[in-house]
Amino acid sequence: MSVMQRLNRLMGERMAASGRMAMIEVTGRTSGRTFRTPVGYVQHPDGTVWVGAGRAESHWPRNLQANPACRVRIGKAERAYTAHELSGPVRAEAASAIHAKYGAPAARVGTGPVFVLRPAGTEQQGTGDEAAA
């Protein structure tokens, strides 16, 4: 692992520990290995969380598309979730909410997939077009 990768990992861990970012843990779609990545998020009172990728080719969203089970740590709280890719107006709303929370660093959010994460065991049926909050 390069020095830059180590610095990025350390910064991501600190930002997730502070609650400024979420640390999402996904299973690799081909390797089956566990990967952790810091992501911007918007959390809702009902327990759902919106996350979005800045690039369609990023690995973490592609892994979520292949295996929607994930774990997320925000601050000291960690929880299992199931990801549902958003589309239509709810996708645009989620990307806008993440942009509003993070400003310029999140400007690319929505270029890649956008997801609603629902606490495991509470999944709702639907296409992802329904309101998540």
N, C-alpha and C. Protein backbone atom coordinates (compact mmCIF):
# COMPACT_ATOMS: atom_id res chain seq x y z
N MET A 1 0.86 -1.18 0.00
CA MET A 1 0.00 0.00 0.00
C MET A 1 0.90 1.24 0.00
N SER A 2 0.56 2.17 -0.86
CA SER A 2 1.38 3.38 -0.99
C SER A 2 1.16 4.32 0.19
N VAL A 3 2.02 5.29 0.31
CA VAL A 3 1.91 6.30 1.37
C VAL A 3 0.61 7.07 1.22
N MET A 4 0.26 7.43 -0.04
CA MET A 4 -1.00 8.17 -0.27
C MET A 4 -2.21 7.33 0.12
N GLN A 5 -2.20 6.05 -0.19
CA GLN A 5 -3.30 5.18 0.18
C GLN A 5 -3.43 5.09 1.71
N ARG A 6 -2.31 5.02 2.38
CA ARG A 6 -2.34 4.97 3.85
C ARG A 6 -2.88 6.26 4.44
N LEU A 7 -2.44 7.41 3.88
CA LEU A 7 -2.96 8.70 4.34
C LEU A 7 -4.46 8.82 4.10
N ASN A 8 -4.90 8.42 2.91
CA ASN A 8 -6.33 8.47 2.60
C ASN A 8 -7.13 7.58 3.54
N ARG A 9 -6.63 6.40 3.82
CA ARG A 9 -7.32 5.48 4.73
C ARG A 9 -7.41 6.09 6.13
N LEU A 10 -6.31 6.65 6.62
CA LEU A 10 -6.29 7.27 7.94
C LEU A 10 -7.26 8.45 8.01
N MET A 11 -7.24 9.31 6.99
CA MET A 11 -8.16 10.45 6.98
C MET A 11 -9.61 9.97 6.93
N GLY A 12 -9.89 8.96 6.11
CA GLY A 12 -11.24 8.42 6.02
C GLY A 12 -11.71 7.84 7.35
N GLU A 13 -10.84 7.11 8.03
CA GLU A 13 -11.17 6.54 9.34
C GLU A 13 -11.48 7.65 10.35
N ARG A 14 -10.68 8.70 10.35
CA ARG A 14 -10.91 9.81 11.29
C ARG A 14 -12.21 10.55 10.98
N MET A 15 -12.49 10.77 9.69
CA MET A 15 -13.72 11.47 9.33
C MET A 15 -14.95 10.63 9.66
N ALA A 16 -14.85 9.31 9.49
CA ALA A 16 -15.97 8.44 9.85
C ALA A 16 -16.15 8.40 11.37
N ALA A 17 -15.04 8.36 12.10
CA ALA A 17 -15.13 8.34 13.56
C ALA A 17 -15.76 9.61 14.10
N SER A 18 -15.55 10.73 13.41
CA SER A 18 -16.12 12.00 13.85
C SER A 18 -17.58 12.16 13.42
N GLY A 19 -18.03 11.31 12.50
CA GLY A 19 -19.40 11.42 11.99
C GLY A 19 -19.52 12.34 10.78
N ARG A 20 -18.42 12.95 10.36
CA ARG A 20 -18.48 13.83 9.19
C ARG A 20 -18.68 13.04 7.90
N MET A 21 -18.20 11.82 7.88
CA MET A 21 -18.41 10.92 6.75
C MET A 21 -18.84 9.58 7.31
N ALA A 22 -19.35 8.73 6.43
CA ALA A 22 -19.70 7.37 6.81
C ALA A 22 -18.63 6.43 6.26
N MET A 23 -18.34 5.37 6.98
CA MET A 23 -17.42 4.35 6.49
C MET A 23 -18.29 3.17 6.05
N ILE A 24 -18.32 2.92 4.75
CA ILE A 24 -19.13 1.82 4.23
C ILE A 24 -18.22 0.62 3.98
N GLU A 25 -18.70 -0.55 4.37
CA GLU A 25 -17.96 -1.80 4.19
C GLU A 25 -18.76 -2.67 3.23
N VAL A 26 -18.14 -3.02 2.12
CA VAL A 26 -18.80 -3.81 1.09
C VAL A 26 -17.98 -5.06 0.80
N THR A 27 -18.62 -6.02 0.14
CA THR A 27 -17.95 -7.25 -0.26
C THR A 27 -17.59 -7.16 -1.73
N GLY A 28 -16.34 -7.45 -2.05
CA GLY A 28 -15.87 -7.39 -3.44
C GLY A 28 -16.66 -8.32 -4.34
N ARG A 29 -17.09 -7.82 -5.48
CA ARG A 29 -17.95 -8.58 -6.39
C ARG A 29 -17.24 -9.76 -7.03
N THR A 30 -15.92 -9.71 -7.16
CA THR A 30 -15.20 -10.84 -7.73
C THR A 30 -14.30 -11.51 -6.70
N SER A 31 -13.71 -10.74 -5.81
CA SER A 31 -12.76 -11.30 -4.83
C SER A 31 -13.45 -11.88 -3.60
N GLY A 32 -14.61 -11.33 -3.25
CA GLY A 32 -15.27 -11.75 -2.02
C GLY A 32 -14.64 -11.14 -0.78
N ARG A 33 -13.61 -10.33 -0.96
CA ARG A 33 -12.94 -9.66 0.16
C ARG A 33 -13.77 -8.49 0.66
N THR A 34 -13.53 -8.08 1.89
CA THR A 34 -14.21 -6.94 2.48
C THR A 34 -13.39 -5.68 2.23
N PHE A 35 -14.08 -4.62 1.78
CA PHE A 35 -13.43 -3.33 1.53
C PHE A 35 -14.18 -2.24 2.28
N ARG A 36 -13.44 -1.28 2.82
CA ARG A 36 -14.03 -0.12 3.52
C ARG A 36 -13.66 1.15 2.77
N THR A 37 -14.67 2.02 2.64
CA THR A 37 -14.47 3.27 1.92
C THR A 37 -15.24 4.38 2.62
N PRO A 38 -14.63 5.55 2.85
CA PRO A 38 -15.39 6.67 3.40
C PRO A 38 -16.26 7.29 2.31
N VAL A 39 -17.49 7.60 2.67
CA VAL A 39 -18.44 8.19 1.71
C VAL A 39 -19.22 9.31 2.39
N GLY A 40 -19.63 10.29 1.59
CA GLY A 40 -20.55 11.31 2.07
C GLY A 40 -21.93 10.69 2.21
N TYR A 41 -22.70 11.21 3.14
CA TYR A 41 -24.00 10.60 3.42
C TYR A 41 -24.98 11.65 3.92
N VAL A 42 -26.24 11.28 3.85
CA VAL A 42 -27.32 12.01 4.51
C VAL A 42 -28.14 10.97 5.25
N GLN A 43 -28.27 11.15 6.55
CA GLN A 43 -29.01 10.19 7.39
C GLN A 43 -30.38 10.75 7.71
N HIS A 44 -31.37 9.86 7.71
CA HIS A 44 -32.75 10.26 7.97
C HIS A 44 -33.23 9.72 9.31
N PRO A 45 -34.22 10.37 9.94
CA PRO A 45 -34.73 9.92 11.23
C PRO A 45 -35.28 8.49 11.21
N ASP A 46 -35.74 8.02 10.04
CA ASP A 46 -36.28 6.66 9.96
C ASP A 46 -35.19 5.59 9.89
N GLY A 47 -33.91 5.99 9.93
CA GLY A 47 -32.81 5.04 9.91
C GLY A 47 -32.20 4.80 8.55
N THR A 48 -32.81 5.34 7.49
CA THR A 48 -32.22 5.17 6.16
C THR A 48 -31.10 6.17 5.96
N VAL A 49 -30.22 5.84 5.02
CA VAL A 49 -29.06 6.67 4.72
C VAL A 49 -28.93 6.76 3.20
N TRP A 50 -28.70 7.97 2.69
CA TRP A 50 -28.41 8.16 1.27
C TRP A 50 -26.91 8.27 1.09
N VAL A 51 -26.36 7.57 0.10
CA VAL A 51 -24.95 7.69 -0.28
C VAL A 51 -24.87 7.73 -1.80
N GLY A 52 -23.87 8.41 -2.32
CA GLY A 52 -23.72 8.50 -3.77
C GLY A 52 -22.27 8.46 -4.17
N ALA A 53 -22.03 7.90 -5.34
CA ALA A 53 -20.67 7.80 -5.87
C ALA A 53 -20.39 8.95 -6.83
N GLY A 54 -19.17 9.40 -6.84
CA GLY A 54 -18.77 10.47 -7.74
C GLY A 54 -18.36 9.97 -9.11
N ARG A 55 -18.18 8.65 -9.23
CA ARG A 55 -17.79 8.08 -10.53
C ARG A 55 -18.51 6.74 -10.71
N ALA A 56 -19.02 6.51 -11.90
CA ALA A 56 -19.71 5.26 -12.19
C ALA A 56 -18.76 4.06 -12.10
N GLU A 57 -17.47 4.29 -12.37
CA GLU A 57 -16.52 3.17 -12.37
C GLU A 57 -15.89 2.90 -11.00
N SER A 58 -16.28 3.64 -9.97
CA SER A 58 -15.77 3.38 -8.62
C SER A 58 -16.15 1.96 -8.20
N HIS A 59 -15.27 1.33 -7.46
CA HIS A 59 -15.51 -0.06 -7.08
C HIS A 59 -16.61 -0.23 -6.04
N TRP A 60 -16.68 0.65 -5.03
CA TRP A 60 -17.64 0.40 -3.96
C TRP A 60 -19.08 0.38 -4.46
N PRO A 61 -19.52 1.27 -5.36
CA PRO A 61 -20.91 1.16 -5.81
C PRO A 61 -21.13 -0.06 -6.70
N ARG A 62 -20.13 -0.43 -7.48
CA ARG A 62 -20.27 -1.64 -8.30
C ARG A 62 -20.37 -2.87 -7.42
N ASN A 63 -19.63 -2.87 -6.32
CA ASN A 63 -19.74 -3.98 -5.37
C ASN A 63 -21.13 -4.02 -4.73
N LEU A 64 -21.68 -2.84 -4.40
CA LEU A 64 -23.03 -2.79 -3.83
C LEU A 64 -24.08 -3.26 -4.83
N GLN A 65 -23.89 -2.95 -6.10
CA GLN A 65 -24.84 -3.42 -7.12
C GLN A 65 -24.83 -4.94 -7.20
N ALA A 66 -23.65 -5.54 -7.02
CA ALA A 66 -23.54 -7.00 -7.09
C ALA A 66 -23.99 -7.67 -5.80
N ASN A 67 -23.74 -7.03 -4.67
CA ASN A 67 -24.10 -7.59 -3.37
C ASN A 67 -24.55 -6.43 -2.48
N PRO A 68 -25.85 -6.20 -2.33
CA PRO A 68 -26.35 -5.02 -1.63
C PRO A 68 -26.19 -5.04 -0.11
N ALA A 69 -25.75 -6.14 0.47
CA ALA A 69 -25.52 -6.17 1.92
C ALA A 69 -24.26 -5.38 2.23
N CYS A 70 -24.34 -4.52 3.25
CA CYS A 70 -23.17 -3.73 3.64
C CYS A 70 -23.26 -3.39 5.13
N ARG A 71 -22.17 -2.86 5.64
CA ARG A 71 -22.14 -2.34 7.01
C ARG A 71 -21.70 -0.89 6.90
N VAL A 72 -22.24 -0.06 7.78
CA VAL A 72 -21.88 1.36 7.76
C VAL A 72 -21.60 1.80 9.19
N ARG A 73 -20.50 2.55 9.33
CA ARG A 73 -20.16 3.16 10.62
C ARG A 73 -20.24 4.66 10.46
N ILE A 74 -21.01 5.27 11.34
CA ILE A 74 -21.11 6.73 11.41
C ILE A 74 -20.84 7.09 12.86
N GLY A 75 -19.74 7.76 13.11
CA GLY A 75 -19.35 8.04 14.49
C GLY A 75 -19.04 6.72 15.17
N LYS A 76 -19.66 6.48 16.32
CA LYS A 76 -19.43 5.23 17.05
C LYS A 76 -20.45 4.16 16.72
N ALA A 77 -21.48 4.53 15.97
CA ALA A 77 -22.55 3.58 15.64
C ALA A 77 -22.21 2.81 14.37
N GLU A 78 -22.40 1.50 14.42
CA GLU A 78 -22.20 0.66 13.24
C GLU A 78 -23.43 -0.21 13.07
N ARG A 79 -23.85 -0.38 11.81
CA ARG A 79 -25.09 -1.08 11.56
C ARG A 79 -25.03 -1.78 10.20
N ALA A 80 -25.76 -2.89 10.08
CA ALA A 80 -25.89 -3.59 8.81
C ALA A 80 -27.03 -2.96 8.01
N TYR A 81 -26.82 -2.83 6.70
CA TYR A 81 -27.80 -2.23 5.80
C TYR A 81 -27.93 -3.08 4.55
N THR A 82 -29.00 -2.80 3.83
CA THR A 82 -29.19 -3.33 2.48
C THR A 82 -29.33 -2.13 1.55
N ALA A 83 -28.55 -2.12 0.48
CA ALA A 83 -28.54 -0.99 -0.46
C ALA A 83 -29.55 -1.21 -1.57
N HIS A 84 -30.20 -0.13 -1.96
CA HIS A 84 -31.13 -0.12 -3.09
C HIS A 84 -30.75 1.07 -3.95
N GLU A 85 -30.41 0.81 -5.21
CA GLU A 85 -30.01 1.90 -6.10
C GLU A 85 -31.23 2.76 -6.42
N LEU A 86 -31.04 4.07 -6.35
CA LEU A 86 -32.12 5.01 -6.62
C LEU A 86 -32.13 5.41 -8.08
N SER A 87 -33.31 5.82 -8.54
CA SER A 87 -33.46 6.35 -9.89
C SER A 87 -34.54 7.42 -9.86
N GLY A 88 -34.64 8.14 -10.95
CA GLY A 88 -35.69 9.14 -11.08
C GLY A 88 -35.54 10.30 -10.11
N PRO A 89 -36.68 10.89 -9.72
CA PRO A 89 -36.65 12.09 -8.87
C PRO A 89 -36.02 11.87 -7.49
N VAL A 90 -36.17 10.68 -6.92
CA VAL A 90 -35.58 10.43 -5.61
C VAL A 90 -34.06 10.40 -5.71
N ARG A 91 -33.54 9.88 -6.80
CA ARG A 91 -32.08 9.88 -7.02
C ARG A 91 -31.57 11.32 -7.08
N ALA A 92 -32.27 12.17 -7.83
CA ALA A 92 -31.88 13.58 -7.94
C ALA A 92 -31.97 14.27 -6.58
N GLU A 93 -33.01 13.96 -5.82
CA GLU A 93 -33.17 14.55 -4.48
C GLU A 93 -32.03 14.13 -3.56
N ALA A 94 -31.67 12.84 -3.60
CA ALA A 94 -30.58 12.34 -2.76
C ALA A 94 -29.26 12.99 -3.12
N ALA A 95 -28.95 13.07 -4.42
CA ALA A 95 -27.69 13.70 -4.86
C ALA A 95 -27.66 15.16 -4.44
N SER A 96 -28.78 15.87 -4.57
CA SER A 96 -28.85 17.28 -4.16
C SER A 96 -28.64 17.44 -2.66
N ALA A 97 -29.21 16.54 -1.88
CA ALA A 97 -29.05 16.60 -0.42
C ALA A 97 -27.60 16.38 -0.01
N ILE A 98 -26.92 15.45 -0.68
CA ILE A 98 -25.51 15.21 -0.38
C ILE A 98 -24.68 16.42 -0.79
N HIS A 99 -24.97 17.00 -1.95
CA HIS A 99 -24.28 18.23 -2.40
C HIS A 99 -24.46 19.33 -1.37
N ALA A 100 -25.70 19.50 -0.89
CA ALA A 100 -25.99 20.57 0.07
C ALA A 100 -25.22 20.37 1.37
N LYS A 101 -25.05 19.13 1.79
CA LYS A 101 -24.35 18.85 3.05
C LYS A 101 -22.85 19.09 2.93
N TYR A 102 -22.27 18.70 1.80
CA TYR A 102 -20.82 18.71 1.66
C TYR A 102 -20.27 19.82 0.77
N GLY A 103 -21.10 20.46 -0.01
CA GLY A 103 -20.61 21.53 -0.88
C GLY A 103 -19.74 21.01 -2.00
N ALA A 104 -18.72 21.77 -2.35
CA ALA A 104 -17.87 21.49 -3.51
C ALA A 104 -17.27 20.08 -3.51
N PRO A 105 -16.81 19.53 -2.37
CA PRO A 105 -16.22 18.19 -2.44
C PRO A 105 -17.20 17.14 -2.96
N ALA A 106 -18.50 17.39 -2.82
CA ALA A 106 -19.50 16.42 -3.27
C ALA A 106 -20.04 16.75 -4.65
N ALA A 107 -19.42 17.68 -5.35
CA ALA A 107 -19.95 18.15 -6.63
C ALA A 107 -20.12 17.03 -7.64
N ARG A 108 -19.31 15.99 -7.54
CA ARG A 108 -19.41 14.89 -8.49
C ARG A 108 -20.42 13.83 -8.06
N VAL A 109 -20.92 13.89 -6.83
CA VAL A 109 -21.90 12.90 -6.37
C VAL A 109 -23.08 12.92 -7.31
N GLY A 110 -23.52 11.75 -7.69
CA GLY A 110 -24.62 11.66 -8.62
C GLY A 110 -24.15 11.35 -10.03
N THR A 111 -22.83 11.53 -10.27
CA THR A 111 -22.26 11.12 -11.55
C THR A 111 -22.29 9.60 -11.63
N GLY A 112 -22.07 8.98 -10.47
CA GLY A 112 -22.16 7.53 -10.35
C GLY A 112 -23.46 7.14 -9.69
N PRO A 113 -23.59 5.88 -9.32
CA PRO A 113 -24.82 5.40 -8.69
C PRO A 113 -25.10 6.09 -7.35
N VAL A 114 -26.37 6.22 -7.02
CA VAL A 114 -26.83 6.78 -5.75
C VAL A 114 -27.73 5.73 -5.11
N PHE A 115 -27.55 5.53 -3.80
CA PHE A 115 -28.26 4.46 -3.10
C PHE A 115 -28.99 4.98 -1.87
N VAL A 116 -30.06 4.29 -1.52
CA VAL A 116 -30.63 4.41 -0.19
C VAL A 116 -30.21 3.14 0.54
N LEU A 117 -29.70 3.30 1.74
CA LEU A 117 -29.33 2.17 2.58
C LEU A 117 -30.41 2.02 3.64
N ARG A 118 -31.01 0.85 3.71
CA ARG A 118 -32.05 0.58 4.70
C ARG A 118 -31.49 -0.39 5.73
N PRO A 119 -31.77 -0.15 7.02
CA PRO A 119 -31.28 -1.08 8.03
C PRO A 119 -31.69 -2.52 7.67
N ALA A 120 -30.75 -3.43 7.78
CA ALA A 120 -31.01 -4.83 7.43
C ALA A 120 -32.22 -5.34 8.21
N GLY A 121 -33.06 -6.07 7.51
CA GLY A 121 -34.27 -6.61 8.12
C GLY A 121 -35.47 -5.70 8.00
N THR A 122 -35.28 -4.47 7.46
CA THR A 122 -36.40 -3.54 7.32
C THR A 122 -36.63 -3.18 5.87
N GLU A 123 -36.07 -3.97 4.95
CA GLU A 123 -36.15 -3.64 3.53
C GLU A 123 -37.61 -3.53 3.08
N GLN A 124 -37.85 -2.53 2.27
CA GLN A 124 -39.16 -2.33 1.67
C GLN A 124 -39.09 -2.81 0.23
N GLN A 125 -40.19 -3.28 -0.28
CA GLN A 125 -40.25 -3.66 -1.68
C GLN A 125 -40.33 -2.38 -2.52
N GLY A 126 -39.81 -2.42 -3.70
CA GLY A 126 -39.92 -1.26 -4.57
C GLY A 126 -38.72 -1.13 -5.47
N THR A 127 -38.77 -0.16 -6.35
CA THR A 127 -37.73 0.01 -7.36
C THR A 127 -36.65 1.00 -6.94
N GLY A 128 -36.85 1.68 -5.84
CA GLY A 128 -35.91 2.72 -5.45
C GLY A 128 -36.42 4.08 -5.84
N ASP A 129 -37.56 4.15 -6.52
CA ASP A 129 -38.13 5.44 -6.91
C ASP A 129 -39.00 6.02 -5.81
N GLU A 130 -39.32 5.21 -4.82
CA GLU A 130 -40.17 5.71 -3.75
C GLU A 130 -39.38 6.61 -2.81
N ALA A 131 -40.07 7.43 -2.06
CA ALA A 131 -39.39 8.33 -1.12
C ALA A 131 -38.68 7.52 -0.06
N ALA A 132 -37.48 7.92 0.27
CA ALA A 132 -36.68 7.19 1.26
C ALA A 132 -36.69 7.86 2.61
N ALA A 133 -37.16 9.06 2.67
CA ALA A 133 -37.13 9.77 3.95
C ALA A 133 -38.52 10.02 4.44
